[in-house]
Protein backbone atom coordinates (compact mmCIF):
# COMPACT_ATOMS: atom_id res chain seq x y z
CA UNK A 1 -0.06 -32.49 81.02
CA UNK A 2 0.25 -32.58 77.22
CA UNK A 3 -2.46 -31.07 75.03
CA UNK A 4 -4.97 -33.55 73.55
CA UNK A 5 -4.26 -34.74 70.03
CA UNK A 6 -6.77 -33.15 67.65
CA UNK A 7 -8.58 -35.55 65.32
CA UNK A 8 -7.66 -35.73 61.65
CA UNK A 9 -10.08 -34.24 59.16
CA UNK A 10 -11.26 -35.58 55.80
CA UNK A 11 -12.07 -33.12 53.02
CA UNK A 12 -12.22 -32.96 49.24
CA UNK A 13 -9.79 -30.98 47.11
CA UNK A 14 -10.64 -30.09 43.52
CA UNK A 15 -7.63 -30.43 41.24
CA UNK A 16 -6.97 -27.97 38.43
CA UNK A 17 -8.67 -30.25 35.89
CA UNK A 18 -11.82 -30.58 38.02
CA UNK A 19 -11.30 -34.06 39.47
CA UNK A 20 -11.80 -34.49 43.21
CA UNK A 21 -9.00 -35.70 45.46
CA UNK A 22 -9.61 -37.01 48.98
CA UNK A 23 -7.52 -35.10 51.53
CA UNK A 24 -6.67 -35.94 55.13
CA UNK A 25 -5.15 -33.39 57.52
CA UNK A 26 -3.35 -34.21 60.76
CA UNK A 27 -2.78 -30.97 62.74
CA UNK A 28 -0.35 -30.49 65.61
CA UNK A 29 -1.71 -30.30 69.13
CA UNK A 30 -3.37 -27.05 70.16
CA UNK A 31 -0.80 -24.64 71.54
CA UNK A 32 2.15 -26.59 70.13
CA UNK A 33 4.77 -24.77 68.09
CA UNK A 34 4.35 -25.36 64.36
CA UNK A 35 7.77 -26.22 62.92
CA UNK A 36 6.58 -27.08 59.40
CA UNK A 37 3.97 -28.71 57.21
CA UNK A 38 4.53 -32.02 55.43
CA UNK A 39 2.64 -33.00 52.27
CA UNK A 40 2.44 -36.79 52.20
CA UNK A 41 2.29 -38.73 48.92
CA UNK A 42 1.46 -42.46 49.12
CA UNK A 43 2.56 -45.33 46.92
CA UNK A 44 1.03 -47.41 44.12
CA UNK A 45 -2.36 -48.97 44.83
CA UNK A 46 -2.70 -47.65 48.38
CA UNK A 47 -3.96 -44.46 50.06
CA UNK A 48 -3.01 -41.74 52.54
CA UNK A 49 -4.93 -43.30 55.43
CA UNK A 50 -2.26 -46.00 55.74
CA UNK A 51 0.14 -43.32 57.04
CA UNK A 52 -1.76 -42.38 60.20
CA UNK A 53 1.12 -43.51 62.42
CA UNK A 54 3.68 -41.59 60.36
CA UNK A 55 1.57 -38.43 60.49
CA UNK A 56 1.08 -38.72 64.25
CA UNK A 57 4.82 -39.12 64.80
CA UNK A 58 5.44 -35.99 62.74
CA UNK A 59 2.74 -34.18 64.75
CA UNK A 60 4.65 -35.02 67.95
CA UNK A 61 7.72 -33.36 66.46
CA UNK A 62 5.80 -30.17 65.56
CA UNK A 63 4.90 -30.85 61.93
CA UNK A 64 1.35 -30.69 60.59
CA UNK A 65 0.64 -33.22 57.83
CA UNK A 66 -1.61 -33.10 54.79
CA UNK A 67 -1.99 -36.40 52.94
CA UNK A 68 -4.10 -37.05 49.89
CA UNK A 69 -5.21 -39.99 47.78
CA UNK A 70 -3.61 -39.68 44.37
CA UNK A 71 -5.69 -39.76 41.22
CA UNK A 72 -7.15 -43.24 40.71
CA UNK A 73 -6.41 -44.27 44.30
CA UNK A 74 -8.24 -44.56 47.58
CA UNK A 75 -11.27 -42.32 47.82
CA UNK A 76 -10.18 -39.92 45.07
CA UNK A 77 -11.75 -39.73 41.65
CA UNK A 78 -10.37 -41.38 38.55
CA UNK A 79 -9.99 -44.85 37.11
CA UNK A 80 -8.20 -47.19 39.51
CA UNK A 81 -4.55 -47.26 38.50
CA UNK A 82 -5.17 -45.00 35.51
CA UNK A 83 -3.15 -42.04 34.30
CA UNK A 84 -4.97 -39.66 31.93
CA UNK A 85 -1.82 -37.67 31.12
CA UNK A 86 1.88 -38.36 31.72
CA UNK A 87 2.40 -35.64 34.34
CA UNK A 88 -1.01 -35.84 36.00
CA UNK A 89 0.28 -37.09 39.38
CA UNK A 90 3.06 -34.51 39.45
CA UNK A 91 0.62 -31.73 38.58
CA UNK A 92 -1.73 -32.85 41.37
CA UNK A 93 1.13 -32.67 43.86
CA UNK A 94 1.84 -29.15 42.62
CA UNK A 95 -1.78 -28.16 43.25
CA UNK A 96 -1.57 -29.65 46.75
CA UNK A 97 1.70 -27.86 47.58
CA UNK A 98 0.24 -24.57 46.36
CA UNK A 99 -2.85 -25.02 48.53
CA UNK A 100 -0.68 -25.76 51.58
CA UNK A 101 1.54 -22.75 50.87
CA UNK A 102 -1.52 -20.50 50.63
CA UNK A 103 -2.74 -21.41 54.12
CA UNK A 104 0.64 -21.74 55.89
CA UNK A 105 2.09 -18.73 57.76
CA UNK A 106 5.05 -17.10 56.05
CA UNK A 107 8.36 -18.50 57.23
CA UNK A 108 6.99 -21.94 58.07
CA UNK A 109 8.71 -24.57 55.86
CA UNK A 110 6.72 -26.83 53.56
CA UNK A 111 8.14 -30.31 52.92
CA UNK A 112 7.06 -33.28 50.83
CA UNK A 113 7.31 -36.90 51.99
CA UNK A 114 6.77 -39.48 49.25
CA UNK A 115 6.83 -43.26 49.46
CA UNK A 116 7.49 -45.60 46.51
CA UNK A 117 5.45 -44.24 43.56
CA UNK A 118 4.81 -41.19 45.75
CA UNK A 119 8.55 -40.80 46.18
CA UNK A 120 9.02 -40.81 42.43
CA UNK A 121 6.22 -38.25 41.98
CA UNK A 122 7.74 -36.07 44.71
CA UNK A 123 11.22 -36.29 43.16
CA UNK A 124 9.86 -35.34 39.73
CA UNK A 125 8.15 -32.34 41.32
CA UNK A 126 11.37 -31.31 43.07
CA UNK A 127 13.24 -31.37 39.76
CA UNK A 128 10.61 -29.21 38.06
CA UNK A 129 9.83 -26.81 40.93
CA UNK A 130 12.68 -26.84 43.49
CA UNK A 131 11.93 -23.36 44.84
CA UNK A 132 8.39 -24.27 45.88
CA UNK A 133 9.36 -26.70 48.66
CA UNK A 134 11.84 -26.44 51.51
CA UNK A 135 12.66 -30.11 51.92
CA UNK A 136 12.05 -33.56 50.47
CA UNK A 137 11.83 -36.97 52.15
CA UNK A 138 11.99 -40.02 49.90
CA UNK A 139 10.95 -43.41 51.31
CA UNK A 140 11.85 -46.40 49.11
CA UNK A 141 11.29 -44.26 45.99
CA UNK A 142 10.49 -46.05 42.73
CA UNK A 143 13.65 -44.91 40.94
CA UNK A 144 14.23 -48.31 39.33
CA UNK A 145 11.72 -51.03 38.43
CA UNK A 146 11.91 -54.80 38.66
CA UNK A 147 10.80 -56.13 35.25
CA UNK A 148 11.32 -59.49 33.57
CA UNK A 149 11.86 -59.82 29.83
CA UNK A 150 8.15 -60.28 29.03
CA UNK A 151 7.16 -57.26 31.12
CA UNK A 152 9.77 -55.15 29.37
CA UNK A 153 8.35 -56.27 26.02
CA UNK A 154 4.81 -55.32 27.09
CA UNK A 155 6.01 -51.97 28.39
CA UNK A 156 7.58 -51.23 25.04
CA UNK A 157 4.33 -51.93 23.18
CA UNK A 158 1.24 -51.38 25.34
CA UNK A 159 1.65 -47.67 26.19
CA UNK A 160 1.61 -46.86 22.49
CA UNK A 161 -1.30 -49.06 21.41
CA UNK A 162 -3.39 -49.29 24.59
CA UNK A 163 -2.23 -46.70 27.17
CA UNK A 164 -5.45 -47.04 29.20
CA UNK A 165 -5.33 -50.84 29.42
CA UNK A 166 -5.08 -51.85 33.08
CA UNK A 167 -3.52 -55.02 34.45
CA UNK A 168 -2.42 -56.33 37.86
CA UNK A 169 0.47 -54.31 39.27
CA UNK A 170 2.34 -57.43 40.41
CA UNK A 171 2.98 -56.18 43.95
CA UNK A 172 3.17 -59.12 46.35
CA UNK A 173 1.93 -58.04 49.81
CA UNK A 174 4.22 -60.47 51.67
CA UNK A 175 7.21 -58.35 50.63
CA UNK A 176 5.82 -55.14 52.14
CA UNK A 177 7.12 -55.78 55.66
CA UNK A 178 8.45 -58.47 57.96
CA UNK A 179 5.40 -57.81 60.16
CA UNK A 180 2.59 -60.26 59.20
CA UNK A 181 -0.01 -57.82 60.55
CA UNK A 182 0.99 -55.27 57.88
CA UNK A 183 0.40 -57.81 55.11
CA UNK A 184 -2.95 -58.88 56.60
CA UNK A 185 -4.16 -55.28 56.93
CA UNK A 186 -3.09 -54.50 53.37
CA UNK A 187 -4.91 -57.52 51.94
CA UNK A 188 -8.13 -56.69 53.79
CA UNK A 189 -8.09 -52.94 53.12
CA UNK A 190 -11.03 -52.08 50.79
CA UNK A 191 -9.27 -48.92 49.58
CA UNK A 192 -6.21 -50.82 48.32
CA UNK A 193 -6.25 -51.97 44.68
CA UNK A 194 -3.86 -53.83 42.38
CA UNK A 195 -4.51 -52.08 39.06
CA UNK A 196 -1.97 -50.25 36.90
CA UNK A 197 -2.41 -48.87 33.40
CA UNK A 198 0.17 -49.09 30.66
CA UNK A 199 0.49 -45.30 30.79
CA UNK A 200 1.23 -45.29 34.52
CA UNK A 201 3.74 -48.12 34.13
CA UNK A 202 5.52 -46.12 31.43
CA UNK A 203 5.60 -43.02 33.66
CA UNK A 204 7.31 -45.05 36.40
CA UNK A 205 9.78 -46.73 34.03
CA UNK A 206 10.83 -43.49 32.32
CA UNK A 207 10.74 -41.05 35.24
CA UNK A 208 13.03 -43.00 37.57
CA UNK A 209 16.10 -42.80 35.32
CA UNK A 210 15.38 -39.11 34.65
CA UNK A 211 15.42 -38.38 38.38
CA UNK A 212 18.68 -40.32 38.83
CA UNK A 213 20.21 -38.34 35.96
CA UNK A 214 19.44 -35.10 37.84
CA UNK A 215 21.14 -36.31 41.04
CA UNK A 216 24.54 -34.59 40.51
CA UNK A 217 22.83 -31.18 40.48
CA UNK A 218 20.07 -32.02 42.95
CA UNK A 219 18.35 -28.77 43.94
CA UNK A 220 16.45 -29.57 47.18
CA UNK A 221 17.47 -30.52 50.73
CA UNK A 222 16.60 -34.23 50.70
CA UNK A 223 16.52 -37.22 53.01
CA UNK A 224 16.63 -40.54 51.16
CA UNK A 225 15.55 -43.60 53.18
CA UNK A 226 15.43 -46.94 51.40
CA UNK A 227 15.29 -50.67 52.03
CA UNK A 228 18.28 -52.78 51.07
CA UNK A 229 16.15 -55.96 50.97
CA UNK A 230 13.36 -54.36 48.91
CA UNK A 231 11.74 -56.87 46.54
CA UNK A 232 9.06 -54.53 45.19
CA UNK A 233 11.20 -51.56 44.12
CA UNK A 234 14.75 -52.18 42.98
CA UNK A 235 17.10 -50.44 45.47
CA UNK A 236 19.66 -50.04 42.70
CA UNK A 237 17.84 -46.82 41.75
CA UNK A 238 18.32 -45.30 45.20
CA UNK A 239 21.95 -46.43 45.26
CA UNK A 240 22.59 -44.81 41.88
CA UNK A 241 20.92 -41.60 43.03
CA UNK A 242 22.84 -41.40 46.31
CA UNK A 243 26.18 -42.21 44.69
CA UNK A 244 26.14 -39.06 42.53
CA UNK A 245 23.98 -36.65 44.57
CA UNK A 246 25.82 -33.86 46.45
CA UNK A 247 26.26 -35.07 50.07
CA UNK A 248 25.67 -31.60 51.48
CA UNK A 249 22.27 -31.56 49.82
CA UNK A 250 21.20 -35.23 50.07
CA UNK A 251 21.37 -37.36 53.23
CA UNK A 252 21.04 -41.08 52.56
CA UNK A 253 20.28 -44.05 54.81
CA UNK A 254 20.03 -47.62 53.54
CA UNK A 255 18.40 -50.12 55.91
CA UNK A 256 19.96 -53.34 54.70
CA UNK A 257 17.56 -55.88 56.22
CA UNK A 258 14.27 -54.04 55.77
CA UNK A 259 11.54 -54.66 53.20
CA UNK A 260 9.76 -52.05 51.08
CA UNK A 261 7.53 -50.29 53.63
CA UNK A 262 10.25 -49.09 55.96
CA UNK A 263 7.85 -47.12 58.18
CA UNK A 264 5.75 -50.28 58.62
CA UNK A 265 8.55 -52.70 59.44
CA UNK A 266 8.59 -54.89 62.55
CA UNK A 267 11.31 -52.63 63.92
CA UNK A 268 10.91 -49.21 62.34
CA UNK A 269 12.66 -47.32 65.13
CA UNK A 270 15.91 -46.73 63.18
CA UNK A 271 13.89 -45.26 60.30
CA UNK A 272 11.95 -42.84 62.49
CA UNK A 273 15.15 -41.95 64.36
CA UNK A 274 16.88 -41.03 61.09
CA UNK A 275 13.90 -38.94 60.05
CA UNK A 276 13.73 -37.12 63.39
CA UNK A 277 17.47 -36.33 63.34
CA UNK A 278 17.30 -34.92 59.84
CA UNK A 279 14.29 -32.75 60.65
CA UNK A 280 15.86 -31.51 63.90
CA UNK A 281 19.09 -30.51 62.14
CA UNK A 282 17.36 -28.56 59.37
CA UNK A 283 13.98 -27.37 60.63
């Protein structure tokens, strides 16, 4: 008989600048072998609680998970969709990785899994601090944006004259997944918001190309999973990254028919299978 699944725990983490971040931990079952710890970074406008099913799947494979609500998201402090400094989200991830490292037994790998905006934040962190993590999983990372001419004009002006101005992020929930239940849950979730500041928009627009430019010398064992039919994040960024990244360092899977939230798709089995294979081969 398998050991009972321990409940997740909710705590508060104080970032280096004093702001509070909401943290959720999903431990492995009591007595199970701990193969690694995964730090989970969610996407724009959402929160870590939406990844319960992902965390539980990782628990089954022997990986403990620590997710957190990024600054200005979910139950964490900060202005919804705001960004007080250009590298704030990356610095917060660094604080979270350091806290996980401090409480994880020596020899146990620490990985980061980031989705969408979280994937971009995680990739930026990997470029800056490759030695501090043992593996990286990118899910539909925001490496390229979908902007029309007017949005590009605003992005060229607003961050310089009104970096704290917040507008709707333009994400259409119907393009999250082919599963209508995912859209309905997203729309009714009180912790989901649709705000984005000019400063955060600029971070996304500028950081994606910088990450792609680093691909030829990519420093971290990475699994890139992205949706070929993504209408929220342009998959051209992931294609550009994978085309120049060293294949021995970066494993890439494109799911041609899937929408943005690949772990929430009507049939997500191929995505979880690819993740499990990669983890089994390396950890």
